[in-house]
Amino acid sequence: MSSSPRRVHLAAHFPGVNNTTIWSDPRSESHIAVDSFIRMAQTAERGLMDFLFLAEGLRLREMNGKIYDLDVMGRPDTLTVLSAVAAATERIGLAGTLTATFHEPYELARQFATLDHLSGGRAAWNVVTSPDAFTGENFRRGGYLPYPQRYQRAEDFIDAARQLWESWPASAQNADETAGAYEHRSDFFDISGRFDVPRSPQVHPVIFQAGDSDSGREFAAGSADVIFTRHSELEDGKAFYKDTKGRLAKYNRAEDDLRIYPGVSYVLGDTDADAAERAREQAYAQHSGATAIATLERVWNTDLSAFDPEGPLPDFDPVLDGPEVSQGRVKHVKDPVATAQRWREIARAENLSIRDLVVREAHGVAFVGSADTVARQMNQYIQERAADGFILIPTVVPGGLDEFVDSVVPRLQEMGVYPDSYAEEDPTLRTTMELGGYRPATEWSRARSTARAAATNAQEA
């Protein structure tokens, strides 16, 4: 007797600062107005999705010392936006990205506990670390932490927050003089006092971690409920899934204790051929000539404004020892010289202009086809364990999600791999995501200590 198919999980990402939104599309609206966030959240909820995911930006990006005018101008506060969305929805989860590098445990624990109460148990925190002094200039402490210490502080930060969330008894009516009392002393924090928010419906908001590096995978395995990844190809996804899930046992966790949600775009059409043509048109709409030149500047690390985007690539190598021309972006290209050499070889072999090459190398779309094709492809990823769910990134905001909800979701339901309604017995995000109850803070820290001791003993043996 065959086992039941795995369930497909879906969520929606409100892109925020990016160059993938097609601003020329007349359906594109404000990325700051609260109505835009509410509209997308309500569409996602209509599609029975798990959560609305918001990224975060603590400083406007710059190129060549100037504000990058191809980005969105402005970033509203994440928790304020999610509070407004909570009031306008009933079941959709509320996932906000906030850095563990510049915030403090008491502050963030209090805010997320409040959001969890306000929403009836729908809060989620995407924990990120901030990599540069450019962002740090907006904070009193300034500067930034070395790479290993960023993850150490984030791990310690989550431990402290979990202690705060657990500091009240299960029922506030049973509170006594010890309710809210906590103490957390470590290399990064020396805090004690009384937490002033009683236990929220989930106790711990769902913890997300965004990162594909080895350190990021290990951090997620030992500290998070969900990992948000950029792997959108099937075989890459399967390798990432196997590697990341394989790290869980040493932290005394089962495979389904950590959920993997790659962020993916999609292009739908009446037929697969129609969708492919739309995808091509969309790619060029996303990468104007100015965007193509800016993309090259981030690799070459120099001003290329004199170059024609319809002309050839620069014949010189990137600048490695000068100041960074791009500030405020995650640097995904690890070897600029090798990348530039490979791009020049591809452009010569295929007779590509700068803009053609940038479009060719953009890896933002994972699913292209008719609604039936996309539904089958998504289900394949889930059944073959390349992902547990998907965070959908529409190219038109806020209305770009409607077509997916109206066409792909019904196909998934017909296939028997997507729900027809939210669970009635428990409205919390943990239940919607099939995560189970929270894990006490002491269990998290104990499991990490045991895993590290075992690793140390193995190295010394």
Protein backbone atom coordinates (compact mmCIF):
# COMPACT_ATOMS: atom_id res chain seq x y z
CA MET A 1 0.00 0.00 0.00
CA SER A 2 1.53 3.33 -1.08
CA SER A 3 1.91 6.15 1.41
CA SER A 4 0.03 9.43 1.05
CA PRO A 5 1.75 12.13 -1.02
CA ARG A 6 3.53 14.91 0.82
CA ARG A 7 1.60 18.14 1.13
CA VAL A 8 2.65 21.19 -0.87
CA HIS A 9 3.07 24.32 1.26
CA LEU A 10 2.99 27.82 -0.22
CA ALA A 11 3.73 31.31 1.07
CA ALA A 12 4.03 34.80 -0.43
CA HIS A 13 6.93 37.25 -0.38
CA PHE A 14 6.34 41.00 -0.62
CA PRO A 15 9.58 41.88 -2.45
CA GLY A 16 10.44 45.30 -1.05
CA VAL A 17 13.72 46.72 -2.35
CA ASN A 18 14.60 44.89 -5.55
CA ASN A 19 15.10 45.19 -9.28
CA THR A 20 12.89 42.21 -10.18
CA THR A 21 9.56 44.02 -9.86
CA ILE A 22 8.39 45.23 -13.26
CA TRP A 23 7.71 48.86 -12.48
CA SER A 24 6.58 49.60 -16.03
CA ASP A 25 3.60 47.26 -15.59
CA PRO A 26 0.50 49.39 -14.99
CA ARG A 27 -0.59 46.93 -12.27
CA SER A 28 2.46 47.82 -10.13
CA GLU A 29 1.51 49.89 -7.11
CA SER A 30 3.14 51.39 -4.04
CA HIS A 31 5.57 49.32 -1.97
CA ILE A 32 4.99 51.61 1.00
CA ALA A 33 1.21 52.04 1.19
CA VAL A 34 -0.32 49.74 3.78
CA ASP A 35 -3.08 48.81 1.33
CA SER A 36 -0.50 47.09 -0.89
CA PHE A 37 0.63 44.82 1.93
CA ILE A 38 -2.93 44.08 3.00
CA ARG A 39 -4.03 43.27 -0.54
CA MET A 40 -1.21 40.77 -1.07
CA ALA A 41 -1.80 39.19 2.35
CA GLN A 42 -5.51 38.78 1.67
CA THR A 43 -4.79 37.18 -1.71
CA ALA A 44 -2.32 34.79 -0.08
CA GLU A 45 -4.90 33.96 2.58
CA ARG A 46 -7.51 33.32 -0.12
CA GLY A 47 -4.99 30.88 -1.58
CA LEU A 48 -4.63 29.16 1.84
CA MET A 49 -0.94 30.02 2.01
CA ASP A 50 1.11 29.64 5.16
CA PHE A 51 2.43 33.17 5.59
CA LEU A 52 3.29 36.56 4.11
CA PHE A 53 7.05 37.09 4.18
CA LEU A 54 8.61 40.56 4.46
CA ALA A 55 12.27 41.28 3.85
CA GLU A 56 14.05 44.09 5.67
CA GLY A 57 16.35 46.92 4.70
CA LEU A 58 17.97 49.13 7.31
CA ARG A 59 19.54 51.54 4.84
CA LEU A 60 18.89 52.58 1.25
CA ARG A 61 21.29 50.92 -1.17
CA GLU A 62 23.90 52.99 -2.97
CA MET A 63 25.80 52.73 -6.25
CA ASN A 64 28.90 54.79 -6.89
CA GLY A 65 28.24 56.84 -3.76
CA LYS A 66 24.66 57.74 -4.68
CA ILE A 67 21.29 56.32 -3.67
CA TYR A 68 20.50 53.54 -6.13
CA ASP A 69 17.59 55.06 -8.03
CA LEU A 70 16.57 51.76 -9.66
CA ASP A 71 15.42 50.46 -6.25
CA VAL A 72 12.32 51.27 -4.26
CA MET A 73 12.75 54.56 -2.44
CA GLY A 74 11.93 53.78 1.19
CA ARG A 75 11.30 50.85 3.52
CA PRO A 76 8.47 50.97 6.08
CA ASP A 77 8.98 49.28 9.44
CA THR A 78 8.31 45.54 9.25
CA LEU A 79 6.52 45.01 12.55
CA THR A 80 4.25 48.01 12.05
CA VAL A 81 3.23 46.71 8.63
CA LEU A 82 2.60 43.20 9.96
CA SER A 83 0.42 44.61 12.75
CA ALA A 84 -1.75 46.32 10.15
CA VAL A 85 -1.91 43.10 8.10
CA ALA A 86 -2.89 41.13 11.23
CA ALA A 87 -5.94 43.34 11.70
CA ALA A 88 -7.06 42.79 8.09
CA THR A 89 -6.61 38.99 7.96
CA GLU A 90 -7.57 35.93 9.98
CA ARG A 91 -5.23 33.01 9.24
CA ILE A 92 -2.22 34.01 7.15
CA GLY A 93 1.09 33.88 9.03
CA LEU A 94 3.09 37.08 9.54
CA ALA A 95 6.82 36.59 8.90
CA GLY A 96 9.09 39.57 9.43
CA THR A 97 12.83 39.87 8.83
CA LEU A 98 14.80 41.59 11.60
CA THR A 99 18.53 41.48 12.22
CA ALA A 100 20.11 39.94 15.29
CA THR A 101 23.19 42.10 14.76
CA PHE A 102 21.78 45.50 15.69
CA HIS A 103 18.61 44.79 17.68
CA GLU A 104 18.48 43.62 21.31
CA PRO A 105 16.80 40.47 22.74
CA TYR A 106 14.38 42.13 25.17
CA GLU A 107 13.22 44.63 22.54
CA LEU A 108 12.56 42.07 19.80
CA ALA A 109 11.16 39.39 22.11
CA ARG A 110 8.62 41.89 23.42
CA GLN A 111 7.63 43.02 19.91
CA PHE A 112 7.17 39.50 18.53
CA ALA A 113 5.28 38.31 21.61
CA THR A 114 2.94 41.26 21.17
CA LEU A 115 2.45 40.47 17.47
CA ASP A 116 1.74 36.84 18.34
CA HIS A 117 -0.95 37.92 20.82
CA LEU A 118 -2.35 40.49 18.42
CA SER A 119 -2.67 37.95 15.59
CA GLY A 120 -3.83 34.95 17.60
CA GLY A 121 -0.58 33.03 17.14
CA ARG A 122 0.56 33.89 13.62
CA ALA A 123 3.94 35.55 14.20
CA ALA A 124 7.26 34.46 12.67
CA TRP A 125 10.74 35.97 12.87
CA ASN A 126 13.23 35.64 10.01
CA VAL A 127 16.58 35.99 11.79
CA VAL A 128 19.31 37.57 9.70
CA THR A 129 22.77 38.92 10.41
CA SER A 130 23.95 42.25 9.01
CA PRO A 131 27.25 41.96 7.16
CA ASP A 132 28.66 45.45 6.80
CA ALA A 133 29.68 48.70 8.42
CA PHE A 134 27.60 50.54 5.83
CA THR A 135 24.42 49.35 7.54
CA GLY A 136 26.00 49.75 10.98
CA GLU A 137 26.41 53.50 10.48
CA ASN A 138 22.70 53.82 11.26
CA PHE A 139 23.23 52.38 14.75
CA ARG A 140 24.95 53.68 17.86
CA ARG A 141 27.27 50.69 18.05
CA GLY A 142 28.28 51.15 14.42
CA GLY A 143 30.71 48.89 12.62
CA TYR A 144 29.95 45.21 12.25
CA LEU A 145 30.88 41.85 13.68
CA PRO A 146 33.33 39.44 12.03
CA TYR A 147 31.58 36.66 10.09
CA PRO A 148 31.74 33.87 12.74
CA GLN A 149 30.64 36.20 15.54
CA ARG A 150 27.55 37.30 13.62
CA TYR A 151 26.13 33.78 13.77
CA GLN A 152 27.29 33.30 17.37
CA ARG A 153 25.49 36.47 18.42
CA ALA A 154 22.37 35.47 16.48
CA GLU A 155 22.31 32.06 18.14
CA ASP A 156 22.75 33.59 21.57
CA PHE A 157 20.14 36.22 20.74
CA ILE A 158 17.53 33.55 19.91
CA ASP A 159 18.35 31.66 23.12
CA ALA A 160 17.80 34.83 25.14
CA ALA A 161 14.53 35.59 23.35
CA ARG A 162 13.25 32.07 23.92
CA GLN A 163 13.97 32.40 27.64
CA LEU A 164 11.94 35.60 27.71
CA TRP A 165 9.00 34.05 25.85
CA GLU A 166 8.94 31.16 28.34
CA SER A 167 9.33 33.29 31.46
CA TRP A 168 5.59 33.43 32.14
CA PRO A 169 3.54 30.34 33.09
CA ALA A 170 1.18 28.79 30.54
CA SER A 171 -1.73 30.76 31.98
CA ALA A 172 -1.31 34.34 33.11
CA GLN A 173 -3.96 33.60 35.75
CA ASN A 174 -1.43 31.28 37.42
CA ALA A 175 1.27 33.93 37.53
CA ASP A 176 3.04 34.53 40.81
CA GLU A 177 5.86 36.78 41.95
CA THR A 178 8.32 34.91 39.66
CA ALA A 179 6.33 35.49 36.46
CA GLY A 180 8.45 37.15 33.80
CA ALA A 181 11.67 36.88 35.77
CA TYR A 182 14.67 36.01 33.61
CA GLU A 183 18.45 36.13 33.55
CA HIS A 184 20.72 35.57 30.57
CA ARG A 185 24.46 35.99 30.89
CA SER A 186 26.79 35.15 28.02
CA ASP A 187 29.62 36.53 25.92
CA PHE A 188 27.18 38.77 24.05
CA PHE A 189 24.46 39.59 26.57
CA ASP A 190 24.26 40.35 30.27
CA ILE A 191 20.58 40.95 30.91
CA SER A 192 18.10 40.25 33.69
CA GLY A 193 14.77 41.63 34.76
CA ARG A 194 11.05 41.00 34.29
CA PHE A 195 9.51 40.31 30.90
CA ASP A 196 6.23 42.20 30.67
CA VAL A 197 4.33 40.18 28.02
CA PRO A 198 2.58 36.96 29.15
CA ARG A 199 3.00 33.79 27.09
CA SER A 200 1.64 34.19 23.58
CA PRO A 201 -0.38 31.55 21.72
CA GLN A 202 2.69 29.97 20.08
CA VAL A 203 5.03 30.71 23.02
CA HIS A 204 7.90 30.90 20.50
CA PRO A 205 7.08 32.61 17.20
CA VAL A 206 8.20 30.43 14.27
CA ILE A 207 11.91 31.07 13.69
CA PHE A 208 13.15 31.45 10.10
CA GLN A 209 16.74 31.63 8.92
CA ALA A 210 17.75 32.87 5.46
CA GLY A 211 21.05 31.58 4.15
CA ASP A 212 22.70 29.05 1.88
CA SER A 213 26.24 28.99 3.27
CA ASP A 214 27.59 26.11 5.33
CA SER A 215 27.43 28.28 8.44
CA GLY A 216 23.86 29.28 7.61
CA ARG A 217 22.76 25.65 7.20
CA GLU A 218 24.37 24.68 10.50
CA PHE A 219 22.78 27.65 12.24
CA ALA A 220 19.36 26.68 10.88
CA ALA A 221 19.80 23.03 11.89
CA GLY A 222 20.63 24.01 15.46
CA SER A 223 18.40 27.05 15.99
CA ALA A 224 15.55 27.48 13.48
CA ASP A 225 12.19 26.05 12.43
CA VAL A 226 12.42 27.09 8.76
CA ILE A 227 15.21 27.91 6.31
CA PHE A 228 14.60 30.27 3.38
CA THR A 229 16.91 29.38 0.50
CA ARG A 230 17.77 30.60 -3.00
CA HIS A 231 18.08 27.08 -4.47
CA SER A 232 15.40 26.91 -7.16
CA GLU A 233 16.63 24.15 -9.50
CA LEU A 234 15.47 20.60 -8.81
CA GLU A 235 18.83 18.85 -8.45
CA ASP A 236 20.39 21.74 -6.50
CA GLY A 237 17.34 21.74 -4.27
CA LYS A 238 17.59 18.01 -3.61
CA ALA A 239 21.27 18.32 -2.70
CA PHE A 240 20.58 21.27 -0.39
CA TYR A 241 17.64 19.44 1.20
CA LYS A 242 19.67 16.29 1.84
CA ASP A 243 22.65 18.19 3.24
CA THR A 244 20.63 20.46 5.53
CA LYS A 245 18.26 17.77 6.80
CA GLY A 246 21.26 15.50 7.37
CA ARG A 247 22.54 17.92 10.01
CA LEU A 248 19.44 17.62 12.22
CA ALA A 249 20.04 14.30 13.97
CA LYS A 250 23.04 15.57 15.92
CA TYR A 251 20.75 18.27 17.38
CA ASN A 252 18.21 15.61 18.37
CA ARG A 253 15.79 16.73 15.68
CA ALA A 254 13.72 14.83 13.12
CA GLU A 255 13.56 15.56 9.38
CA ASP A 256 10.27 17.48 9.57
CA ASP A 257 11.44 19.63 12.49
CA LEU A 258 13.10 21.99 9.99
CA ARG A 259 11.16 23.13 6.93
CA ILE A 260 12.89 24.24 3.71
CA TYR A 261 11.18 26.93 1.62
CA PRO A 262 13.06 28.20 -1.46
CA GLY A 263 12.05 31.59 -2.77
CA VAL A 264 10.80 31.22 -6.35
CA SER A 265 9.31 33.30 -9.13
CA TYR A 266 6.91 31.99 -11.73
CA VAL A 267 5.52 32.86 -15.14
CA LEU A 268 2.14 31.47 -16.17
CA GLY A 269 0.62 31.20 -19.64
CA ASP A 270 -2.28 29.57 -21.45
CA THR A 271 0.25 27.07 -22.80
CA ASP A 272 3.86 26.24 -22.00
CA ALA A 273 4.99 28.03 -25.16
CA ASP A 274 2.98 31.11 -24.22
CA ALA A 275 4.54 31.12 -20.74
CA ALA A 276 8.05 30.78 -22.20
CA GLU A 277 7.49 33.83 -24.40
CA ARG A 278 6.10 35.76 -21.43
CA ALA A 279 9.15 34.77 -19.39
CA ARG A 280 11.47 36.17 -22.05
CA GLU A 281 9.53 39.42 -22.22
CA GLN A 282 9.47 39.62 -18.43
CA ALA A 283 13.22 39.08 -18.13
CA TYR A 284 13.96 42.02 -20.44
CA ALA A 285 11.37 44.17 -18.62
CA GLN A 286 13.19 43.38 -15.35
CA HIS A 287 16.62 44.18 -16.78
CA SER A 288 16.60 47.54 -18.49
CA GLY A 289 19.80 48.87 -19.97
CA ALA A 290 20.52 50.82 -16.80
CA THR A 291 19.87 47.75 -14.63
CA ALA A 292 22.16 45.63 -16.82
CA ILE A 293 25.01 48.13 -16.44
CA ALA A 294 24.45 48.32 -12.66
CA THR A 295 24.55 44.51 -12.46
CA LEU A 296 27.93 44.49 -14.22
CA GLU A 297 29.22 47.28 -11.99
CA ARG A 298 28.58 45.12 -8.92
CA VAL A 299 30.87 42.44 -10.40
CA TRP A 300 33.50 44.71 -11.97
CA ASN A 301 33.41 47.04 -8.92
CA THR A 302 33.89 50.13 -11.04
CA ASP A 303 31.86 52.76 -12.86
CA LEU A 304 30.73 51.36 -16.23
CA SER A 305 28.25 54.10 -17.11
CA ALA A 306 30.16 54.85 -20.33
CA PHE A 307 29.42 51.35 -21.65
CA ASP A 308 26.53 50.65 -24.04
CA PRO A 309 24.21 47.98 -22.56
CA GLU A 310 23.61 46.74 -26.12
CA GLY A 311 27.36 46.49 -26.72
CA PRO A 312 30.11 44.07 -25.62
CA LEU A 313 31.27 43.38 -22.07
CA PRO A 314 34.36 45.14 -20.66
CA ASP A 315 37.60 43.50 -21.79
CA PHE A 316 39.37 44.25 -18.47
CA ASP A 317 39.09 42.40 -15.17
CA PRO A 318 37.15 43.58 -12.10
CA VAL A 319 38.76 45.90 -9.56
CA LEU A 320 39.53 43.93 -6.40
CA ASP A 321 41.43 46.40 -4.24
CA GLY A 322 39.29 49.52 -4.53
CA PRO A 323 36.31 50.69 -2.44
CA GLU A 324 33.03 48.88 -3.04
CA VAL A 325 30.88 50.72 -5.59
CA SER A 326 27.77 48.85 -4.41
CA GLN A 327 26.71 49.30 -0.79
CA GLY A 328 23.89 47.59 1.06
CA ARG A 329 23.57 44.42 -1.04
CA VAL A 330 24.50 40.84 -0.22
CA LYS A 331 27.51 39.99 -2.38
CA HIS A 332 26.66 36.68 -4.07
CA VAL A 333 29.61 36.65 -6.50
CA LYS A 334 32.54 35.20 -4.57
CA ASP A 335 35.16 35.31 -7.36
CA PRO A 336 34.59 38.40 -9.56
CA VAL A 337 37.56 37.76 -11.88
CA ALA A 338 36.49 34.20 -12.65
CA THR A 339 32.89 35.33 -13.10
CA ALA A 340 33.90 38.11 -15.49
CA GLN A 341 36.05 35.71 -17.51
CA ARG A 342 33.21 33.18 -17.77
CA TRP A 343 30.73 35.86 -18.78
CA ARG A 344 33.03 37.18 -21.52
CA GLU A 345 33.47 33.67 -22.92
CA ILE A 346 29.69 33.10 -22.96
CA ALA A 347 29.02 36.50 -24.57
CA ARG A 348 31.57 35.86 -27.33
CA ALA A 349 30.37 32.33 -28.00
CA GLU A 350 26.69 33.30 -28.15
CA ASN A 351 27.13 36.84 -29.52
CA LEU A 352 25.45 38.45 -26.50
CA SER A 353 25.36 42.10 -25.51
CA ILE A 354 25.75 43.20 -21.90
CA ARG A 355 21.99 43.24 -21.45
CA ASP A 356 21.55 39.87 -23.17
CA LEU A 357 24.20 38.34 -20.91
CA VAL A 358 22.65 39.75 -17.73
CA VAL A 359 19.24 38.40 -18.73
CA ARG A 360 20.78 35.01 -19.52
CA GLU A 361 22.55 34.82 -16.16
CA ALA A 362 19.56 35.94 -14.08
CA HIS A 363 18.31 32.92 -12.16
CA GLY A 364 15.13 34.34 -10.69
CA VAL A 365 12.49 32.16 -12.33
CA ALA A 366 11.99 28.56 -11.27
CA PHE A 367 8.58 27.69 -12.73
CA VAL A 368 7.43 28.58 -16.24
CA GLY A 369 4.42 27.02 -17.97
CA SER A 370 0.69 26.57 -17.94
CA ALA A 371 -1.07 26.25 -14.59
CA ASP A 372 -1.10 22.46 -15.01
CA THR A 373 2.63 22.34 -15.79
CA VAL A 374 3.60 24.57 -12.86
CA ALA A 375 1.42 22.58 -10.45
CA ARG A 376 3.05 19.32 -11.57
CA GLN A 377 6.55 20.81 -11.33
CA MET A 378 5.96 22.13 -7.83
CA ASN A 379 4.55 18.82 -6.68
CA GLN A 380 7.60 17.03 -8.11
CA TYR A 381 9.91 19.18 -5.98
CA ILE A 382 7.96 18.33 -2.86
CA GLN A 383 7.57 14.61 -3.51
CA GLU A 384 11.28 14.25 -4.47
CA ARG A 385 12.36 16.20 -1.38
CA ALA A 386 13.87 19.21 -3.04
CA ALA A 387 11.73 21.45 -0.78
CA ASP A 388 8.95 21.39 1.81
CA GLY A 389 7.22 24.45 0.40
CA PHE A 390 7.76 27.56 -1.72
CA ILE A 391 7.83 31.27 -1.02
CA LEU A 392 6.33 32.84 -4.14
CA ILE A 393 7.90 36.09 -5.37
CA PRO A 394 5.60 37.85 -7.85
CA THR A 395 7.04 40.30 -10.37
CA VAL A 396 4.06 42.64 -10.10
CA VAL A 397 3.17 43.96 -6.65
CA PRO A 398 0.68 43.67 -5.10
CA GLY A 399 -1.58 42.06 -7.73
CA GLY A 400 0.82 39.53 -9.21
CA LEU A 401 -0.31 36.76 -6.85
CA ASP A 402 -3.93 36.65 -8.04
CA GLU A 403 -3.27 34.69 -11.24
CA PHE A 404 -1.39 32.01 -9.30
CA VAL A 405 -4.11 31.66 -6.67
CA ASP A 406 -6.85 31.49 -9.28
CA SER A 407 -5.15 28.95 -11.57
CA VAL A 408 -2.37 26.92 -9.90
CA VAL A 409 -3.88 26.45 -6.44
CA PRO A 410 -7.01 24.69 -7.80
CA ARG A 411 -4.77 22.32 -9.79
CA LEU A 412 -2.80 21.42 -6.67
CA GLN A 413 -6.06 20.81 -4.80
CA GLU A 414 -7.31 18.54 -7.59
CA MET A 415 -4.04 16.57 -7.29
CA GLY A 416 -4.76 16.00 -3.60
CA VAL A 417 -1.58 17.71 -2.38
CA TYR A 418 -2.99 21.04 -1.21
CA PRO A 419 -5.64 21.78 1.44
CA ASP A 420 -9.16 22.98 0.77
CA SER A 421 -9.24 25.01 3.99
CA TYR A 422 -7.11 26.01 6.95
CA ALA A 423 -7.07 23.66 9.96
CA GLU A 424 -10.06 24.41 12.16
CA GLU A 425 -8.72 23.09 15.45
CA ASP A 426 -5.80 25.49 15.84
CA PRO A 427 -5.29 28.83 14.07
CA THR A 428 -1.58 29.17 14.90
CA LEU A 429 1.09 29.34 12.23
CA ARG A 430 2.87 26.32 13.72
CA THR A 431 -0.22 24.22 13.03
CA THR A 432 -0.66 25.63 9.52
CA MET A 433 2.96 24.74 8.72
CA GLU A 434 2.65 21.32 10.40
CA LEU A 435 5.55 22.11 12.72
CA GLY A 436 4.11 20.86 15.98
CA GLY A 437 4.55 22.58 19.33
CA TYR A 438 7.45 24.75 20.41
CA ARG A 439 10.70 23.26 21.72
CA PRO A 440 11.83 24.65 25.11
CA ALA A 441 14.86 26.92 25.11
CA THR A 442 16.85 24.57 27.33
CA GLU A 443 16.44 21.74 24.81
CA TRP A 444 17.81 23.90 21.98
CA SER A 445 20.90 24.95 23.94
CA ARG A 446 21.51 21.48 25.36
CA ALA A 447 21.34 19.86 21.93
CA ARG A 448 23.81 22.37 20.47
CA SER A 449 26.22 21.85 23.36
CA THR A 450 26.06 18.07 22.90
CA ALA A 451 26.63 18.38 19.13
CA ARG A 452 29.62 20.65 19.58
CA ALA A 453 31.17 18.42 22.23
CA ALA A 454 30.81 15.45 19.89
CA ALA A 455 32.41 17.39 17.04
CA THR A 456 35.33 18.45 19.27
CA ASN A 457 35.87 14.88 20.47
CA ALA A 458 35.82 13.63 16.87
CA GLN A 459 38.47 16.16 15.84
CA GLU A 460 40.71 15.25 18.78
CA ALA A 461 40.36 11.50 18.22
